[in-house]
Amino acid sequence: MKFLFDLFPVILFFAMFKWGEGHPEAAQGLVQQYLSGLVSGGAATVSQAPIMLATAVAIVATIAQIGYLLMRGKKVDVMLWVSLAIITLFGGATIYFHNETFIKWKPTVLYWCFGAALVISQFALNKNLIRLMMQKQLVLPDPVWQKLNLSWAAFFGAMGLVNLYIAFNFSTAFWVNFKLFGFTGLMLAFVIAQSLLLSRHVKDPQ
């Protein structure tokens, strides 16, 4: 359930882009109606409208995620706040400049922020963030926790590079598809691979 909750903005981004692709004039009309005050020059072309509309929906969806958690009295993860800041900054730039380049950089910046947080916490603050998140579910030797933390940092670094390659070597439509299905598939594959490797080191809780 949490997995789908985390994917909520990405799913809406994908759905709105696909709708805008199929109805470009209608998408342009919505951009003109609701976003014209945020757009440099006050207008967007038919080809620009789908990505701009999808970006606006993703920003609103991320805000809604945080609002939902706050209303239920639940803690909002730091990374969700970071995600909101990044999508607002890069998404806002995409809408204002009607330029998709900014939103295409957003996943890379987010992944690299995640990776940097893991590395800096381990070496500068002597904190293992992966251990803090997973120690209630897993009991592992200290060296394995350190390797696990660094492997996630490396994975996020690689994901950022993959995003840049896909974003700037393929069409925007292909990138939007990959953003949902490709990255989700890579994440699941990595988690499964990690689980298989960790099974040799898991200790039974005393």
N, C-alpha and C. Protein backbone atom coordinates (compact mmCIF):
# COMPACT_ATOMS: atom_id res chain seq x y z
N MET A 1 0.83 -1.20 0.00
CA MET A 1 0.00 0.00 0.00
C MET A 1 0.87 1.26 0.00
N LYS A 2 1.93 1.25 0.84
CA LYS A 2 2.84 2.39 0.89
C LYS A 2 3.53 2.59 -0.45
N PHE A 3 3.83 1.46 -1.13
CA PHE A 3 4.48 1.54 -2.43
C PHE A 3 3.63 2.33 -3.42
N LEU A 4 2.32 2.05 -3.44
CA LEU A 4 1.42 2.77 -4.33
C LEU A 4 1.27 4.23 -3.89
N PHE A 5 1.26 4.44 -2.58
CA PHE A 5 1.17 5.82 -2.06
C PHE A 5 2.38 6.63 -2.51
N ASP A 6 3.57 6.04 -2.45
CA ASP A 6 4.78 6.74 -2.87
C ASP A 6 4.77 7.02 -4.36
N LEU A 7 4.14 6.13 -5.13
CA LEU A 7 4.09 6.28 -6.58
C LEU A 7 2.96 7.20 -7.05
N PHE A 8 2.13 7.64 -6.13
CA PHE A 8 0.94 8.41 -6.48
C PHE A 8 1.22 9.58 -7.43
N PRO A 9 2.20 10.46 -7.13
CA PRO A 9 2.46 11.58 -8.05
C PRO A 9 2.95 11.12 -9.41
N VAL A 10 3.76 10.05 -9.42
CA VAL A 10 4.31 9.54 -10.69
C VAL A 10 3.19 8.97 -11.56
N ILE A 11 2.27 8.24 -10.92
CA ILE A 11 1.14 7.66 -11.67
C ILE A 11 0.27 8.76 -12.26
N LEU A 12 -0.02 9.79 -11.47
CA LEU A 12 -0.84 10.90 -11.97
C LEU A 12 -0.11 11.67 -13.06
N PHE A 13 1.20 11.84 -12.90
CA PHE A 13 2.01 12.50 -13.93
C PHE A 13 1.89 11.73 -15.25
N PHE A 14 2.04 10.41 -15.18
CA PHE A 14 1.95 9.56 -16.36
C PHE A 14 0.56 9.65 -16.98
N ALA A 15 -0.47 9.52 -16.15
CA ALA A 15 -1.85 9.52 -16.65
C ALA A 15 -2.20 10.85 -17.31
N MET A 16 -1.81 11.97 -16.68
CA MET A 16 -2.13 13.28 -17.24
C MET A 16 -1.36 13.54 -18.53
N PHE A 17 -0.12 13.09 -18.58
CA PHE A 17 0.65 13.28 -19.82
C PHE A 17 0.02 12.49 -20.96
N LYS A 18 -0.37 11.25 -20.69
CA LYS A 18 -0.98 10.43 -21.73
C LYS A 18 -2.30 11.04 -22.20
N TRP A 19 -3.08 11.56 -21.25
CA TRP A 19 -4.33 12.21 -21.63
C TRP A 19 -4.03 13.44 -22.49
N GLY A 20 -3.05 14.23 -22.07
CA GLY A 20 -2.70 15.43 -22.83
C GLY A 20 -2.17 15.10 -24.21
N GLU A 21 -1.44 14.00 -24.32
CA GLU A 21 -0.93 13.55 -25.63
C GLU A 21 -2.08 13.22 -26.57
N GLY A 22 -3.11 12.59 -26.01
CA GLY A 22 -4.25 12.21 -26.83
C GLY A 22 -5.22 13.35 -27.08
N HIS A 23 -5.16 14.40 -26.23
CA HIS A 23 -6.07 15.54 -26.36
C HIS A 23 -5.25 16.84 -26.22
N PRO A 24 -4.34 17.09 -27.17
CA PRO A 24 -3.44 18.24 -27.02
C PRO A 24 -4.14 19.58 -26.97
N GLU A 25 -5.20 19.76 -27.77
CA GLU A 25 -5.90 21.04 -27.74
C GLU A 25 -6.59 21.27 -26.40
N ALA A 26 -7.18 20.21 -25.86
CA ALA A 26 -7.83 20.32 -24.55
C ALA A 26 -6.80 20.59 -23.47
N ALA A 27 -5.64 19.93 -23.57
CA ALA A 27 -4.57 20.16 -22.60
C ALA A 27 -4.10 21.60 -22.67
N GLN A 28 -3.96 22.12 -23.88
CA GLN A 28 -3.55 23.51 -24.03
C GLN A 28 -4.59 24.45 -23.42
N GLY A 29 -5.86 24.10 -23.59
CA GLY A 29 -6.92 24.92 -23.01
C GLY A 29 -6.84 24.94 -21.49
N LEU A 30 -6.55 23.80 -20.87
CA LEU A 30 -6.44 23.75 -19.41
C LEU A 30 -5.23 24.55 -18.93
N VAL A 31 -4.13 24.44 -19.68
CA VAL A 31 -2.94 25.23 -19.31
C VAL A 31 -3.26 26.72 -19.39
N GLN A 32 -3.94 27.12 -20.46
CA GLN A 32 -4.30 28.53 -20.60
C GLN A 32 -5.25 28.99 -19.51
N GLN A 33 -6.15 28.09 -19.10
CA GLN A 33 -7.16 28.46 -18.12
C GLN A 33 -6.59 28.53 -16.70
N TYR A 34 -5.75 27.55 -16.35
CA TYR A 34 -5.32 27.44 -14.96
C TYR A 34 -3.86 27.82 -14.70
N LEU A 35 -3.03 27.81 -15.73
CA LEU A 35 -1.60 28.04 -15.51
C LEU A 35 -1.05 29.27 -16.22
N SER A 36 -1.88 29.97 -16.96
CA SER A 36 -1.37 31.09 -17.76
C SER A 36 -0.67 32.14 -16.90
N GLY A 37 -1.14 32.32 -15.67
CA GLY A 37 -0.51 33.30 -14.79
C GLY A 37 0.86 32.88 -14.31
N LEU A 38 1.18 31.58 -14.47
CA LEU A 38 2.48 31.06 -14.02
C LEU A 38 3.44 30.85 -15.17
N VAL A 39 2.98 31.12 -16.40
CA VAL A 39 3.78 30.84 -17.59
C VAL A 39 4.38 32.12 -18.15
N SER A 40 5.66 32.09 -18.43
CA SER A 40 6.31 33.24 -19.04
C SER A 40 5.68 33.52 -20.40
N GLY A 41 5.21 34.72 -20.58
CA GLY A 41 4.52 35.07 -21.81
C GLY A 41 3.05 34.75 -21.78
N GLY A 42 2.62 33.97 -20.75
CA GLY A 42 1.20 33.67 -20.57
C GLY A 42 0.61 32.67 -21.52
N ALA A 43 1.45 32.02 -22.36
CA ALA A 43 0.90 31.08 -23.34
C ALA A 43 1.84 29.90 -23.52
N ALA A 44 1.27 28.76 -23.89
CA ALA A 44 2.04 27.55 -24.18
C ALA A 44 1.54 26.96 -25.49
N THR A 45 2.43 26.32 -26.23
CA THR A 45 2.03 25.71 -27.48
C THR A 45 1.33 24.39 -27.22
N VAL A 46 0.70 23.86 -28.25
CA VAL A 46 0.00 22.58 -28.13
C VAL A 46 0.97 21.47 -27.75
N SER A 47 2.18 21.50 -28.31
CA SER A 47 3.15 20.44 -28.02
C SER A 47 3.69 20.53 -26.59
N GLN A 48 3.71 21.74 -26.03
CA GLN A 48 4.23 21.93 -24.67
C GLN A 48 3.21 21.62 -23.59
N ALA A 49 1.94 21.71 -23.93
CA ALA A 49 0.88 21.61 -22.94
C ALA A 49 0.84 20.30 -22.15
N PRO A 50 0.99 19.12 -22.79
CA PRO A 50 0.88 17.87 -22.02
C PRO A 50 1.88 17.77 -20.88
N ILE A 51 3.15 18.08 -21.13
CA ILE A 51 4.16 17.95 -20.08
C ILE A 51 3.97 19.00 -19.00
N MET A 52 3.51 20.19 -19.39
CA MET A 52 3.27 21.24 -18.41
C MET A 52 2.10 20.89 -17.51
N LEU A 53 1.04 20.35 -18.09
CA LEU A 53 -0.13 19.97 -17.32
C LEU A 53 0.21 18.80 -16.39
N ALA A 54 0.95 17.82 -16.90
CA ALA A 54 1.35 16.67 -16.08
C ALA A 54 2.24 17.12 -14.93
N THR A 55 3.12 18.05 -15.18
CA THR A 55 4.01 18.57 -14.14
C THR A 55 3.21 19.26 -13.04
N ALA A 56 2.24 20.08 -13.43
CA ALA A 56 1.41 20.77 -12.44
C ALA A 56 0.64 19.77 -11.58
N VAL A 57 0.13 18.72 -12.19
CA VAL A 57 -0.62 17.71 -11.45
C VAL A 57 0.30 16.98 -10.47
N ALA A 58 1.53 16.69 -10.89
CA ALA A 58 2.48 16.00 -10.01
C ALA A 58 2.83 16.86 -8.79
N ILE A 59 2.97 18.17 -9.00
CA ILE A 59 3.24 19.07 -7.87
C ILE A 59 2.07 19.06 -6.88
N VAL A 60 0.87 19.19 -7.41
CA VAL A 60 -0.33 19.18 -6.55
C VAL A 60 -0.46 17.84 -5.83
N ALA A 61 -0.15 16.74 -6.52
CA ALA A 61 -0.26 15.41 -5.91
C ALA A 61 0.73 15.25 -4.77
N THR A 62 1.93 15.78 -4.92
CA THR A 62 2.93 15.69 -3.85
C THR A 62 2.50 16.51 -2.64
N ILE A 63 1.95 17.69 -2.90
CA ILE A 63 1.41 18.50 -1.80
C ILE A 63 0.27 17.77 -1.11
N ALA A 64 -0.58 17.10 -1.90
CA ALA A 64 -1.70 16.36 -1.33
C ALA A 64 -1.21 15.20 -0.47
N GLN A 65 -0.13 14.53 -0.89
CA GLN A 65 0.45 13.45 -0.09
C GLN A 65 0.83 13.96 1.30
N ILE A 66 1.55 15.06 1.33
CA ILE A 66 2.00 15.60 2.61
C ILE A 66 0.81 16.08 3.44
N GLY A 67 -0.14 16.72 2.79
CA GLY A 67 -1.33 17.17 3.51
C GLY A 67 -2.10 16.02 4.13
N TYR A 68 -2.21 14.92 3.38
CA TYR A 68 -2.91 13.73 3.89
C TYR A 68 -2.22 13.18 5.13
N LEU A 69 -0.89 13.09 5.08
CA LEU A 69 -0.15 12.56 6.22
C LEU A 69 -0.29 13.48 7.43
N LEU A 70 -0.22 14.79 7.20
CA LEU A 70 -0.33 15.73 8.31
C LEU A 70 -1.72 15.69 8.94
N MET A 71 -2.75 15.56 8.11
CA MET A 71 -4.11 15.51 8.64
C MET A 71 -4.35 14.26 9.47
N ARG A 72 -3.66 13.19 9.14
CA ARG A 72 -3.79 11.94 9.90
C ARG A 72 -2.83 11.87 11.08
N GLY A 73 -2.07 12.95 11.28
CA GLY A 73 -1.16 13.00 12.41
C GLY A 73 0.05 12.11 12.26
N LYS A 74 0.40 11.79 11.02
CA LYS A 74 1.54 10.92 10.78
C LYS A 74 2.78 11.73 10.44
N LYS A 75 3.94 11.15 10.69
CA LYS A 75 5.20 11.81 10.40
C LYS A 75 5.45 11.84 8.90
N VAL A 76 5.89 12.98 8.41
CA VAL A 76 6.25 13.12 7.01
C VAL A 76 7.75 12.90 6.88
N ASP A 77 8.14 11.90 6.10
CA ASP A 77 9.56 11.61 5.93
C ASP A 77 10.29 12.82 5.36
N VAL A 78 11.54 12.99 5.79
CA VAL A 78 12.35 14.11 5.29
C VAL A 78 12.45 14.05 3.77
N MET A 79 12.59 12.84 3.23
CA MET A 79 12.76 12.71 1.80
C MET A 79 11.51 13.14 1.02
N LEU A 80 10.35 13.04 1.66
CA LEU A 80 9.14 13.51 0.99
C LEU A 80 9.13 15.03 0.92
N TRP A 81 9.63 15.67 1.99
CA TRP A 81 9.78 17.13 1.95
C TRP A 81 10.80 17.53 0.88
N VAL A 82 11.88 16.76 0.80
CA VAL A 82 12.90 17.03 -0.23
C VAL A 82 12.30 16.87 -1.62
N SER A 83 11.51 15.81 -1.79
CA SER A 83 10.86 15.57 -3.08
C SER A 83 9.94 16.73 -3.45
N LEU A 84 9.20 17.24 -2.47
CA LEU A 84 8.31 18.38 -2.73
C LEU A 84 9.11 19.60 -3.16
N ALA A 85 10.21 19.86 -2.46
CA ALA A 85 11.04 21.02 -2.79
C ALA A 85 11.60 20.92 -4.20
N ILE A 86 12.06 19.72 -4.56
CA ILE A 86 12.69 19.54 -5.87
C ILE A 86 11.66 19.62 -6.99
N ILE A 87 10.51 18.95 -6.80
CA ILE A 87 9.51 18.98 -7.88
C ILE A 87 8.90 20.36 -8.01
N THR A 88 8.79 21.09 -6.90
CA THR A 88 8.27 22.46 -6.98
C THR A 88 9.25 23.36 -7.73
N LEU A 89 10.54 23.20 -7.44
CA LEU A 89 11.57 24.02 -8.08
C LEU A 89 11.69 23.69 -9.57
N PHE A 90 11.92 22.41 -9.86
CA PHE A 90 12.15 22.02 -11.26
C PHE A 90 10.85 21.99 -12.06
N GLY A 91 9.77 21.55 -11.41
CA GLY A 91 8.49 21.57 -12.09
C GLY A 91 8.01 22.98 -12.34
N GLY A 92 8.22 23.86 -11.34
CA GLY A 92 7.85 25.25 -11.52
C GLY A 92 8.62 25.90 -12.65
N ALA A 93 9.90 25.54 -12.79
CA ALA A 93 10.71 26.09 -13.89
C ALA A 93 10.20 25.59 -15.23
N THR A 94 9.80 24.31 -15.28
CA THR A 94 9.24 23.77 -16.53
C THR A 94 7.98 24.52 -16.93
N ILE A 95 7.13 24.80 -15.96
CA ILE A 95 5.88 25.51 -16.26
C ILE A 95 6.17 26.97 -16.65
N TYR A 96 7.01 27.64 -15.88
CA TYR A 96 7.26 29.06 -16.14
C TYR A 96 7.94 29.28 -17.49
N PHE A 97 8.98 28.48 -17.75
CA PHE A 97 9.74 28.64 -19.00
C PHE A 97 9.18 27.79 -20.15
N HIS A 98 8.06 27.08 -19.88
CA HIS A 98 7.50 26.06 -20.78
C HIS A 98 8.61 25.29 -21.49
N ASN A 99 9.44 24.66 -20.63
CA ASN A 99 10.61 23.91 -21.10
C ASN A 99 10.69 22.60 -20.31
N GLU A 100 10.56 21.49 -20.99
CA GLU A 100 10.54 20.18 -20.34
C GLU A 100 11.89 19.75 -19.77
N THR A 101 12.96 20.45 -20.14
CA THR A 101 14.29 20.07 -19.66
C THR A 101 14.35 20.04 -18.14
N PHE A 102 13.73 21.00 -17.49
CA PHE A 102 13.82 21.10 -16.03
C PHE A 102 13.19 19.89 -15.34
N ILE A 103 11.98 19.51 -15.75
CA ILE A 103 11.32 18.37 -15.10
C ILE A 103 12.03 17.07 -15.40
N LYS A 104 12.73 17.00 -16.54
CA LYS A 104 13.49 15.80 -16.85
C LYS A 104 14.70 15.63 -15.93
N TRP A 105 15.20 16.73 -15.42
CA TRP A 105 16.31 16.67 -14.47
C TRP A 105 15.85 16.29 -13.06
N LYS A 106 14.56 16.47 -12.78
CA LYS A 106 14.07 16.27 -11.42
C LYS A 106 14.37 14.89 -10.84
N PRO A 107 14.09 13.76 -11.55
CA PRO A 107 14.40 12.46 -10.95
C PRO A 107 15.88 12.29 -10.63
N THR A 108 16.74 12.79 -11.52
CA THR A 108 18.18 12.66 -11.28
C THR A 108 18.60 13.41 -10.03
N VAL A 109 18.13 14.64 -9.88
CA VAL A 109 18.48 15.43 -8.69
C VAL A 109 17.95 14.75 -7.43
N LEU A 110 16.74 14.21 -7.51
CA LEU A 110 16.16 13.53 -6.35
C LEU A 110 16.96 12.28 -5.99
N TYR A 111 17.26 11.44 -6.99
CA TYR A 111 18.04 10.22 -6.73
C TYR A 111 19.42 10.57 -6.16
N TRP A 112 20.06 11.58 -6.70
CA TRP A 112 21.38 11.96 -6.22
C TRP A 112 21.32 12.55 -4.82
N CYS A 113 20.24 13.23 -4.49
CA CYS A 113 20.06 13.70 -3.11
C CYS A 113 19.93 12.52 -2.15
N PHE A 114 19.16 11.51 -2.56
CA PHE A 114 19.03 10.31 -1.74
C PHE A 114 20.40 9.66 -1.53
N GLY A 115 21.13 9.47 -2.63
CA GLY A 115 22.44 8.83 -2.55
C GLY A 115 23.41 9.63 -1.70
N ALA A 116 23.43 10.94 -1.88
CA ALA A 116 24.33 11.79 -1.11
C ALA A 116 23.99 11.75 0.38
N ALA A 117 22.71 11.72 0.70
CA ALA A 117 22.29 11.66 2.10
C ALA A 117 22.80 10.37 2.76
N LEU A 118 22.74 9.26 2.03
CA LEU A 118 23.22 7.99 2.57
C LEU A 118 24.71 8.01 2.82
N VAL A 119 25.47 8.55 1.87
CA VAL A 119 26.93 8.58 1.99
C VAL A 119 27.37 9.56 3.08
N ILE A 120 26.82 10.77 3.06
CA ILE A 120 27.21 11.78 4.04
C ILE A 120 26.86 11.34 5.46
N SER A 121 25.68 10.75 5.62
CA SER A 121 25.27 10.29 6.96
C SER A 121 26.21 9.21 7.48
N GLN A 122 26.64 8.31 6.60
CA GLN A 122 27.50 7.21 7.05
C GLN A 122 28.90 7.69 7.41
N PHE A 123 29.49 8.55 6.57
CA PHE A 123 30.88 8.91 6.77
C PHE A 123 31.07 10.19 7.58
N ALA A 124 30.13 11.12 7.50
CA ALA A 124 30.29 12.39 8.23
C ALA A 124 29.55 12.40 9.56
N LEU A 125 28.42 11.71 9.62
CA LEU A 125 27.60 11.73 10.84
C LEU A 125 27.60 10.41 11.58
N ASN A 126 28.27 9.40 11.00
CA ASN A 126 28.32 8.07 11.60
C ASN A 126 26.94 7.48 11.84
N LYS A 127 26.04 7.76 10.89
CA LYS A 127 24.69 7.21 10.95
C LYS A 127 24.41 6.43 9.67
N ASN A 128 23.83 5.27 9.82
CA ASN A 128 23.47 4.44 8.68
C ASN A 128 21.95 4.55 8.48
N LEU A 129 21.55 5.34 7.48
CA LEU A 129 20.12 5.61 7.29
C LEU A 129 19.34 4.37 6.90
N ILE A 130 19.94 3.50 6.09
CA ILE A 130 19.26 2.26 5.71
C ILE A 130 19.02 1.40 6.94
N ARG A 131 20.00 1.36 7.83
CA ARG A 131 19.84 0.59 9.07
C ARG A 131 18.72 1.18 9.93
N LEU A 132 18.69 2.50 10.03
CA LEU A 132 17.65 3.14 10.83
C LEU A 132 16.25 2.83 10.30
N MET A 133 16.14 2.71 8.98
CA MET A 133 14.83 2.44 8.38
C MET A 133 14.44 0.97 8.45
N MET A 134 15.44 0.07 8.48
CA MET A 134 15.14 -1.36 8.31
C MET A 134 15.49 -2.23 9.50
N GLN A 135 16.08 -1.66 10.55
CA GLN A 135 16.57 -2.50 11.64
C GLN A 135 15.46 -3.20 12.43
N LYS A 136 14.23 -2.68 12.33
CA LYS A 136 13.13 -3.36 13.00
C LYS A 136 12.70 -4.61 12.26
N GLN A 137 13.00 -4.68 10.97
CA GLN A 137 12.63 -5.84 10.17
C GLN A 137 13.79 -6.81 9.97
N LEU A 138 15.04 -6.31 10.08
CA LEU A 138 16.21 -7.14 9.81
C LEU A 138 17.24 -7.01 10.92
N VAL A 139 17.92 -8.11 11.19
CA VAL A 139 19.06 -8.10 12.10
C VAL A 139 20.27 -8.57 11.29
N LEU A 140 21.22 -7.66 11.07
CA LEU A 140 22.36 -7.94 10.23
C LEU A 140 23.65 -7.54 10.94
N PRO A 141 24.78 -8.16 10.58
CA PRO A 141 26.08 -7.73 11.12
C PRO A 141 26.39 -6.30 10.69
N ASP A 142 27.16 -5.58 11.49
CA ASP A 142 27.49 -4.19 11.18
C ASP A 142 28.12 -3.99 9.80
N PRO A 143 29.09 -4.84 9.40
CA PRO A 143 29.70 -4.63 8.07
C PRO A 143 28.68 -4.78 6.93
N VAL A 144 27.70 -5.65 7.12
CA VAL A 144 26.69 -5.84 6.08
C VAL A 144 25.80 -4.61 5.99
N TRP A 145 25.47 -4.02 7.15
CA TRP A 145 24.68 -2.79 7.12
C TRP A 145 25.41 -1.69 6.35
N GLN A 146 26.72 -1.60 6.56
CA GLN A 146 27.51 -0.58 5.87
C GLN A 146 27.51 -0.81 4.36
N LYS A 147 27.69 -2.07 3.96
CA LYS A 147 27.68 -2.39 2.53
C LYS A 147 26.30 -2.15 1.92
N LEU A 148 25.28 -2.46 2.69
CA LEU A 148 23.91 -2.25 2.20
C LEU A 148 23.64 -0.77 1.98
N ASN A 149 24.08 0.04 2.93
CA ASN A 149 23.89 1.49 2.81
C ASN A 149 24.59 2.03 1.56
N LEU A 150 25.83 1.60 1.35
CA LEU A 150 26.60 2.09 0.20
C LEU A 150 26.06 1.54 -1.12
N SER A 151 25.52 0.32 -1.08
CA SER A 151 24.96 -0.24 -2.32
C SER A 151 23.72 0.53 -2.74
N TRP A 152 22.92 0.98 -1.77
CA TRP A 152 21.76 1.82 -2.10
C TRP A 152 22.21 3.18 -2.62
N ALA A 153 23.26 3.73 -2.04
CA ALA A 153 23.79 5.01 -2.53
C ALA A 153 24.26 4.87 -3.97
N ALA A 154 24.97 3.78 -4.27
CA ALA A 154 25.44 3.54 -5.64
C ALA A 154 24.27 3.33 -6.59
N PHE A 155 23.25 2.63 -6.12
CA PHE A 155 22.07 2.39 -6.96
C PHE A 155 21.38 3.71 -7.31
N PHE A 156 21.22 4.58 -6.33
CA PHE A 156 20.59 5.87 -6.60
C PHE A 156 21.44 6.71 -7.55
N GLY A 157 22.76 6.63 -7.40
CA GLY A 157 23.63 7.34 -8.32
C GLY A 157 23.46 6.83 -9.75
N ALA A 158 23.38 5.51 -9.90
CA ALA A 158 23.20 4.92 -11.23
C ALA A 158 21.83 5.27 -11.81
N MET A 159 20.81 5.28 -10.96
CA MET A 159 19.47 5.63 -11.44
C MET A 159 19.44 7.06 -11.98
N GLY A 160 20.18 7.95 -11.32
CA GLY A 160 20.25 9.32 -11.79
C GLY A 160 20.87 9.41 -13.17
N LEU A 161 21.91 8.62 -13.40
CA LEU A 161 22.56 8.61 -14.71
C LEU A 161 21.65 8.00 -15.77
N VAL A 162 20.97 6.93 -15.42
CA VAL A 162 20.04 6.30 -16.37
C VAL A 162 18.95 7.28 -16.78
N ASN A 163 18.45 8.04 -15.80
CA ASN A 163 17.41 9.02 -16.12
C ASN A 163 17.90 10.04 -17.13
N LEU A 164 19.11 10.56 -16.94
CA LEU A 164 19.65 11.54 -17.87
C LEU A 164 19.81 10.95 -19.28
N TYR A 165 20.26 9.70 -19.33
CA TYR A 165 20.44 9.07 -20.64
C TYR A 165 19.10 8.91 -21.36
N ILE A 166 18.10 8.41 -20.64
CA ILE A 166 16.78 8.22 -21.25
C ILE A 166 16.14 9.56 -21.60
N ALA A 167 16.26 10.53 -20.69
CA ALA A 167 15.59 11.81 -20.88
C ALA A 167 16.09 12.58 -22.10
N PHE A 168 17.39 12.48 -22.37
CA PHE A 168 17.97 13.32 -23.41
C PHE A 168 18.45 12.55 -24.65
N ASN A 169 18.09 11.28 -24.71
CA ASN A 169 18.40 10.49 -25.91
C ASN A 169 17.17 9.84 -26.53
N PHE A 170 16.02 10.01 -25.87
CA PHE A 170 14.78 9.45 -26.38
C PHE A 170 13.70 10.53 -26.31
N SER A 171 12.56 10.21 -26.88
CA SER A 171 11.46 11.18 -26.89
C SER A 171 10.91 11.40 -25.48
N THR A 172 10.22 12.51 -25.30
CA THR A 172 9.59 12.79 -24.01
C THR A 172 8.57 11.72 -23.65
N ALA A 173 7.82 11.24 -24.64
CA ALA A 173 6.82 10.19 -24.38
C ALA A 173 7.50 8.92 -23.87
N PHE A 174 8.64 8.56 -24.46
CA PHE A 174 9.37 7.37 -24.01
C PHE A 174 9.87 7.57 -22.59
N TRP A 175 10.39 8.78 -22.31
CA TRP A 175 10.88 9.07 -20.97
C TRP A 175 9.76 8.97 -19.93
N VAL A 176 8.58 9.48 -20.25
CA VAL A 176 7.45 9.41 -19.32
C VAL A 176 7.09 7.96 -19.03
N ASN A 177 7.08 7.12 -20.07
CA ASN A 177 6.80 5.69 -19.87
C ASN A 177 7.86 5.05 -18.98
N PHE A 178 9.12 5.36 -19.27
CA PHE A 178 10.21 4.76 -18.52
C PHE A 178 10.21 5.24 -17.08
N LYS A 179 9.82 6.48 -16.88
CA LYS A 179 9.78 7.05 -15.53
C LYS A 179 8.88 6.24 -14.61
N LEU A 180 7.77 5.74 -15.13
CA LEU A 180 6.87 4.93 -14.32
C LEU A 180 7.26 3.46 -14.33
N PHE A 181 7.34 2.88 -15.51
CA PHE A 181 7.54 1.44 -15.61
C PHE A 181 9.00 1.02 -15.51
N GLY A 182 9.89 1.77 -16.15
CA GLY A 182 11.30 1.41 -16.13
C GLY A 182 11.92 1.54 -14.76
N PHE A 183 11.74 2.70 -14.13
CA PHE A 183 12.34 2.91 -12.82
C PHE A 183 11.70 2.02 -11.76
N THR A 184 10.41 1.80 -11.87
CA THR A 184 9.75 0.89 -10.92
C THR A 184 10.29 -0.52 -11.07
N GLY A 185 10.47 -0.97 -12.31
CA GLY A 185 11.03 -2.29 -12.56
C GLY A 185 12.45 -2.42 -12.04
N LEU A 186 13.28 -1.39 -12.28
CA LEU A 186 14.65 -1.42 -11.79
C LEU A 186 14.69 -1.46 -10.26
N MET A 187 13.81 -0.70 -9.63
CA MET A 187 13.76 -0.68 -8.17
C MET A 187 13.36 -2.05 -7.61
N LEU A 188 12.33 -2.65 -8.20
CA LEU A 188 11.90 -3.97 -7.74
C LEU A 188 12.99 -5.01 -7.94
N ALA A 189 13.67 -4.97 -9.10
CA ALA A 189 14.74 -5.91 -9.38
C ALA A 189 15.88 -5.75 -8.37
N PHE A 190 16.20 -4.51 -8.03
CA PHE A 190 17.27 -4.26 -7.07
C PHE A 190 16.89 -4.77 -5.68
N VAL A 191 15.65 -4.52 -5.28
CA VAL A 191 15.19 -4.98 -3.96
C VAL A 191 15.22 -6.50 -3.89
N ILE A 192 14.77 -7.16 -4.95
CA ILE A 192 14.78 -8.63 -4.97
C ILE A 192 16.22 -9.15 -4.89
N ALA A 193 17.12 -8.55 -5.67
CA ALA A 193 18.52 -8.97 -5.64
C ALA A 193 19.12 -8.77 -4.25
N GLN A 194 18.82 -7.63 -3.64
CA GLN A 194 19.31 -7.37 -2.29
C GLN A 194 18.78 -8.39 -1.30
N SER A 195 17.50 -8.73 -1.44
CA SER A 195 16.89 -9.69 -0.52
C SER A 195 17.58 -11.05 -0.61
N LEU A 196 17.89 -11.47 -1.82
CA LEU A 196 18.56 -12.76 -2.02
C LEU A 196 19.96 -12.75 -1.41
N LEU A 197 20.67 -11.65 -1.57
CA LEU A 197 22.01 -11.54 -1.02
C LEU A 197 21.99 -11.46 0.51
N LEU A 198 21.01 -10.73 1.05
CA LEU A 198 20.93 -10.55 2.49
C LEU A 198 20.48 -11.80 3.22
N SER A 199 19.79 -12.68 2.52
CA SER A 199 19.28 -13.89 3.17
C SER A 199 20.39 -14.73 3.79
N ARG A 200 21.61 -14.57 3.28
CA ARG A 200 22.74 -15.34 3.83
C ARG A 200 23.25 -14.76 5.13
N HIS A 201 22.91 -13.50 5.40
CA HIS A 201 23.47 -12.81 6.56
C HIS A 201 22.45 -12.53 7.65
N VAL A 202 21.18 -12.74 7.38
CA VAL A 202 20.14 -12.39 8.35
C VAL A 202 20.31 -13.22 9.62
N LYS A 203 20.26 -12.53 10.73
CA LYS A 203 20.31 -13.19 12.04
C LYS A 203 18.91 -13.31 12.61
N ASP A 204 18.68 -14.37 13.34
CA ASP A 204 17.38 -14.49 14.02
C ASP A 204 17.37 -13.57 15.22
N PRO A 205 16.30 -12.72 15.36
CA PRO A 205 16.22 -11.84 16.53
C PRO A 205 16.20 -12.67 17.82
N GLN A 206 16.91 -12.21 18.83
CA GLN A 206 16.94 -12.92 20.11
C GLN A 206 15.72 -12.55 20.94
